[in-house]
Amino acid sequence: MRNPARWAATLGLTATAVCGPLIGTAQAAPATTPASLYAPSALVFTIGHGESAAGVTPERAVTLSCAPTPSGTHPDAVGACLELRGANGNLEAIESRTGVWCTRQYDPVVVRVSGVWQGEYVDYERTFSNECVKNSYGTSVFAF
């Protein structure tokens, strides 16, 4: 005759070995699924004084991540992400605000942006005539 206790223990261990990994996978899937729904959007903004980025040492840098939620060291991450979404990530499309008065002092400021916007590589550079002019473009993207 067979030993019913040994048979029950073997069946229980086999069920645990087969079904145990499935339980862990079912619990891990919801935690990883939402993050995979968002294309990466993470940018690094640098600023320095000079004519072009080639000869300029960055004086300040901020980070901006817009997916799944706005974050980073940018002083207005929420506003910058909203502005970038409105421009479909096209930094060239961000225009100067009307009614902003700046001096004509020529003290060139170079802004460089690199990273990824909704899965697409971004490499942007622009020279503004001074810091006031830079801050007049858009409402928050370049205000750092």
C-alpha atoms as a PDB file:
ATOM      1  CA  MET A   1       0.000   0.000   0.000  1.00  0.00           C
ATOM      2  CA  ARG A   2       1.014   3.541  -0.598  1.00  0.00           C
ATOM      3  CA  ASN A   3       1.741   5.995   2.151  1.00  0.00           C
ATOM      4  CA  PRO A   4      -1.000   8.680   1.897  1.00  0.00           C
ATOM      5  CA  ALA A   5       1.051  11.228   3.893  1.00  0.00           C
ATOM      6  CA  ARG A   6       4.010  10.965   1.478  1.00  0.00           C
ATOM      7  CA  TRP A   7       1.687  11.225  -1.530  1.00  0.00           C
ATOM      8  CA  ALA A   8      -0.034  14.335  -0.112  1.00  0.00           C
ATOM      9  CA  ALA A   9       3.308  15.997   0.710  1.00  0.00           C
ATOM     10  CA  THR A  10       4.656  15.290  -2.788  1.00  0.00           C
ATOM     11  CA  LEU A  11       1.509  16.646  -4.428  1.00  0.00           C
ATOM     12  CA  GLY A  12       1.603  19.777  -2.223  1.00  0.00           C
ATOM     13  CA  LEU A  13       5.272  20.484  -2.988  1.00  0.00           C
ATOM     14  CA  THR A  14       4.721  19.969  -6.722  1.00  0.00           C
ATOM     15  CA  ALA A  15       1.752  22.333  -6.728  1.00  0.00           C
ATOM     16  CA  THR A  16       3.777  24.951  -4.845  1.00  0.00           C
ATOM     17  CA  ALA A  17       6.719  24.598  -7.235  1.00  0.00           C
ATOM     18  CA  VAL A  18       4.515  24.919 -10.324  1.00  0.00           C
ATOM     19  CA  CYS A  19       2.057  27.575  -9.114  1.00  0.00           C
ATOM     20  CA  GLY A  20       4.383  29.609  -6.868  1.00  0.00           C
ATOM     21  CA  PRO A  21       6.181  31.453  -9.710  1.00  0.00           C
ATOM     22  CA  LEU A  22       2.853  32.207 -11.350  1.00  0.00           C
ATOM     23  CA  ILE A  23       1.588  33.975  -8.244  1.00  0.00           C
ATOM     24  CA  GLY A  24       4.737  36.168  -8.093  1.00  0.00           C
ATOM     25  CA  THR A  25       4.385  37.086 -11.778  1.00  0.00           C
ATOM     26  CA  ALA A  26       0.727  38.003 -11.399  1.00  0.00           C
ATOM     27  CA  GLN A  27       1.565  40.377  -8.557  1.00  0.00           C
ATOM     28  CA  ALA A  28       4.548  41.963 -10.348  1.00  0.00           C
ATOM     29  CA  ALA A  29       2.766  42.692 -13.651  1.00  0.00           C
ATOM     30  CA  PRO A  30       0.554  45.596 -12.475  1.00  0.00           C
ATOM     31  CA  ALA A  31       3.556  47.438 -11.017  1.00  0.00           C
ATOM     32  CA  THR A  32       5.493  47.385 -14.313  1.00  0.00           C
ATOM     33  CA  THR A  33       2.631  47.813 -16.792  1.00  0.00           C
ATOM     34  CA  PRO A  34       1.757  51.524 -16.198  1.00  0.00           C
ATOM     35  CA  ALA A  35       5.361  52.703 -16.647  1.00  0.00           C
ATOM     36  CA  SER A  36       5.597  50.962 -20.000  1.00  0.00           C
ATOM     37  CA  LEU A  37       2.599  52.935 -21.296  1.00  0.00           C
ATOM     38  CA  TYR A  38       4.599  56.173 -21.397  1.00  0.00           C
ATOM     39  CA  ALA A  39       7.237  57.017 -23.974  1.00  0.00           C
ATOM     40  CA  PRO A  40      10.287  58.432 -22.201  1.00  0.00           C
ATOM     41  CA  SER A  41      10.533  62.208 -21.969  1.00  0.00           C
ATOM     42  CA  ALA A  42      13.644  63.312 -20.103  1.00  0.00           C
ATOM     43  CA  LEU A  43      15.654  66.403 -21.021  1.00  0.00           C
ATOM     44  CA  VAL A  44      18.756  68.161 -19.719  1.00  0.00           C
ATOM     45  CA  PHE A  45      18.888  71.949 -20.105  1.00  0.00           C
ATOM     46  CA  THR A  46      22.217  73.786 -19.845  1.00  0.00           C
ATOM     47  CA  ILE A  47      22.992  77.490 -20.027  1.00  0.00           C
ATOM     48  CA  GLY A  48      26.205  79.411 -20.478  1.00  0.00           C
ATOM     49  CA  HIS A  49      27.408  82.812 -21.657  1.00  0.00           C
ATOM     50  CA  GLY A  50      28.958  83.035 -25.115  1.00  0.00           C
ATOM     51  CA  GLU A  51      28.291  82.921 -28.845  1.00  0.00           C
ATOM     52  CA  SER A  52      27.823  79.154 -29.282  1.00  0.00           C
ATOM     53  CA  ALA A  53      27.854  75.983 -27.220  1.00  0.00           C
ATOM     54  CA  ALA A  54      31.181  74.936 -28.744  1.00  0.00           C
ATOM     55  CA  GLY A  55      33.177  77.501 -26.782  1.00  0.00           C
ATOM     56  CA  VAL A  56      30.928  77.827 -23.728  1.00  0.00           C
ATOM     57  CA  THR A  57      31.273  76.079 -20.405  1.00  0.00           C
ATOM     58  CA  PRO A  58      27.823  75.365 -18.988  1.00  0.00           C
ATOM     59  CA  GLU A  59      27.168  77.505 -15.914  1.00  0.00           C
ATOM     60  CA  ARG A  60      23.918  75.895 -14.868  1.00  0.00           C
ATOM     61  CA  ALA A  61      22.019  72.707 -15.709  1.00  0.00           C
ATOM     62  CA  VAL A  62      18.541  71.450 -14.889  1.00  0.00           C
ATOM     63  CA  THR A  63      16.710  68.226 -15.646  1.00  0.00           C
ATOM     64  CA  LEU A  64      13.126  67.790 -16.770  1.00  0.00           C
ATOM     65  CA  SER A  65      11.162  64.569 -16.979  1.00  0.00           C
ATOM     66  CA  CYS A  66       7.577  64.761 -18.217  1.00  0.00           C
ATOM     67  CA  ALA A  67       6.352  61.155 -18.197  1.00  0.00           C
ATOM     68  CA  PRO A  68       4.550  59.761 -16.349  1.00  0.00           C
ATOM     69  CA  THR A  69       4.474  62.921 -14.187  1.00  0.00           C
ATOM     70  CA  PRO A  70       6.473  66.173 -14.357  1.00  0.00           C
ATOM     71  CA  SER A  71       9.627  66.049 -12.244  1.00  0.00           C
ATOM     72  CA  GLY A  72      13.266  67.058 -12.205  1.00  0.00           C
ATOM     73  CA  THR A  73      15.314  70.011 -11.032  1.00  0.00           C
ATOM     74  CA  HIS A  74      13.643  72.491 -13.422  1.00  0.00           C
ATOM     75  CA  PRO A  75      12.105  75.267 -11.265  1.00  0.00           C
ATOM     76  CA  ASP A  76       8.699  74.902 -12.987  1.00  0.00           C
ATOM     77  CA  ALA A  77       8.580  71.295 -14.165  1.00  0.00           C
ATOM     78  CA  VAL A  78       4.784  71.248 -14.466  1.00  0.00           C
ATOM     79  CA  GLY A  79       4.627  74.442 -16.536  1.00  0.00           C
ATOM     80  CA  ALA A  80       7.566  73.434 -18.715  1.00  0.00           C
ATOM     81  CA  CYS A  81       6.020  70.038 -19.467  1.00  0.00           C
ATOM     82  CA  LEU A  82       2.678  71.646 -20.334  1.00  0.00           C
ATOM     83  CA  GLU A  83       4.410  74.110 -22.624  1.00  0.00           C
ATOM     84  CA  LEU A  84       6.427  71.383 -24.337  1.00  0.00           C
ATOM     85  CA  ARG A  85       3.316  69.249 -24.823  1.00  0.00           C
ATOM     86  CA  GLY A  86       1.568  72.252 -26.377  1.00  0.00           C
ATOM     87  CA  ALA A  87       4.446  72.604 -28.835  1.00  0.00           C
ATOM     88  CA  ASN A  88       4.569  68.827 -29.469  1.00  0.00           C
ATOM     89  CA  GLY A  89       8.092  68.837 -28.065  1.00  0.00           C
ATOM     90  CA  ASN A  90       9.314  71.269 -30.753  1.00  0.00           C
ATOM     91  CA  LEU A  91      11.496  73.808 -28.929  1.00  0.00           C
ATOM     92  CA  GLU A  92      11.745  75.901 -32.119  1.00  0.00           C
ATOM     93  CA  ALA A  93       7.968  76.444 -31.975  1.00  0.00           C
ATOM     94  CA  ILE A  94       8.143  78.198 -28.603  1.00  0.00           C
ATOM     95  CA  GLU A  95       7.895  81.906 -29.360  1.00  0.00           C
ATOM     96  CA  SER A  96       8.615  85.116 -27.484  1.00  0.00           C
ATOM     97  CA  ARG A  97       5.787  86.502 -25.368  1.00  0.00           C
ATOM     98  CA  THR A  98       4.416  89.894 -26.307  1.00  0.00           C
ATOM     99  CA  GLY A  99       4.660  92.759 -23.861  1.00  0.00           C
ATOM    100  CA  VAL A 100       8.052  91.757 -22.435  1.00  0.00           C
ATOM    101  CA  TRP A 101      10.546  94.606 -22.418  1.00  0.00           C
ATOM    102  CA  CYS A 102      14.258  93.782 -22.465  1.00  0.00           C
ATOM    103  CA  THR A 103      17.322  95.970 -22.832  1.00  0.00           C
ATOM    104  CA  ARG A 104      19.377  95.822 -26.008  1.00  0.00           C
ATOM    105  CA  GLN A 105      22.463  94.875 -24.054  1.00  0.00           C
ATOM    106  CA  TYR A 106      24.368  92.192 -25.934  1.00  0.00           C
ATOM    107  CA  ASP A 107      25.435  89.527 -23.471  1.00  0.00           C
ATOM    108  CA  PRO A 108      24.805  86.296 -25.410  1.00  0.00           C
ATOM    109  CA  VAL A 109      23.359  83.309 -23.571  1.00  0.00           C
ATOM    110  CA  VAL A 110      23.469  79.823 -25.049  1.00  0.00           C
ATOM    111  CA  VAL A 111      20.807  77.292 -24.114  1.00  0.00           C
ATOM    112  CA  ARG A 112      21.400  73.674 -24.972  1.00  0.00           C
ATOM    113  CA  VAL A 113      18.779  70.938 -24.576  1.00  0.00           C
ATOM    114  CA  SER A 114      19.494  67.270 -25.069  1.00  0.00           C
ATOM    115  CA  GLY A 115      17.679  64.089 -24.193  1.00  0.00           C
ATOM    116  CA  VAL A 116      14.535  62.301 -25.278  1.00  0.00           C
ATOM    117  CA  TRP A 117      11.034  63.652 -25.882  1.00  0.00           C
ATOM    118  CA  GLN A 118       8.317  60.985 -26.216  1.00  0.00           C
ATOM    119  CA  GLY A 119      10.871  58.464 -27.416  1.00  0.00           C
ATOM    120  CA  GLU A 120      12.550  60.791 -29.970  1.00  0.00           C
ATOM    121  CA  TYR A 121      16.091  62.112 -29.525  1.00  0.00           C
ATOM    122  CA  VAL A 122      16.341  65.883 -28.924  1.00  0.00           C
ATOM    123  CA  ASP A 123      19.428  68.003 -29.570  1.00  0.00           C
ATOM    124  CA  TYR A 124      18.639  71.735 -29.492  1.00  0.00           C
ATOM    125  CA  GLU A 125      20.860  74.782 -29.204  1.00  0.00           C
ATOM    126  CA  ARG A 126      19.911  78.444 -29.317  1.00  0.00           C
ATOM    127  CA  THR A 127      21.772  81.666 -28.639  1.00  0.00           C
ATOM    128  CA  PHE A 128      19.750  84.501 -27.117  1.00  0.00           C
ATOM    129  CA  SER A 129      21.053  88.074 -27.066  1.00  0.00           C
ATOM    130  CA  ASN A 130      20.740  88.248 -23.257  1.00  0.00           C
ATOM    131  CA  GLU A 131      19.099  86.509 -20.293  1.00  0.00           C
ATOM    132  CA  CYS A 132      15.958  88.673 -20.429  1.00  0.00           C
ATOM    133  CA  VAL A 133      15.331  87.699 -24.046  1.00  0.00           C
ATOM    134  CA  LYS A 134      15.848  84.023 -23.148  1.00  0.00           C
ATOM    135  CA  ASN A 135      13.276  84.270 -20.353  1.00  0.00           C
ATOM    136  CA  SER A 136      10.769  85.961 -22.674  1.00  0.00           C
ATOM    137  CA  TYR A 137      10.465  82.844 -24.812  1.00  0.00           C
ATOM    138  CA  GLY A 138       7.533  80.794 -23.623  1.00  0.00           C
ATOM    139  CA  THR A 139       6.370  81.014 -20.049  1.00  0.00           C
ATOM    140  CA  SER A 140       8.548  78.478 -18.267  1.00  0.00           C
ATOM    141  CA  VAL A 141      10.605  76.173 -20.506  1.00  0.00           C
ATOM    142  CA  PHE A 142      13.601  78.511 -20.727  1.00  0.00           C
ATOM    143  CA  ALA A 143      13.086  80.173 -17.324  1.00  0.00           C
ATOM    144  CA  PHE A 144      15.666  78.307 -15.291  1.00  0.00           C
END
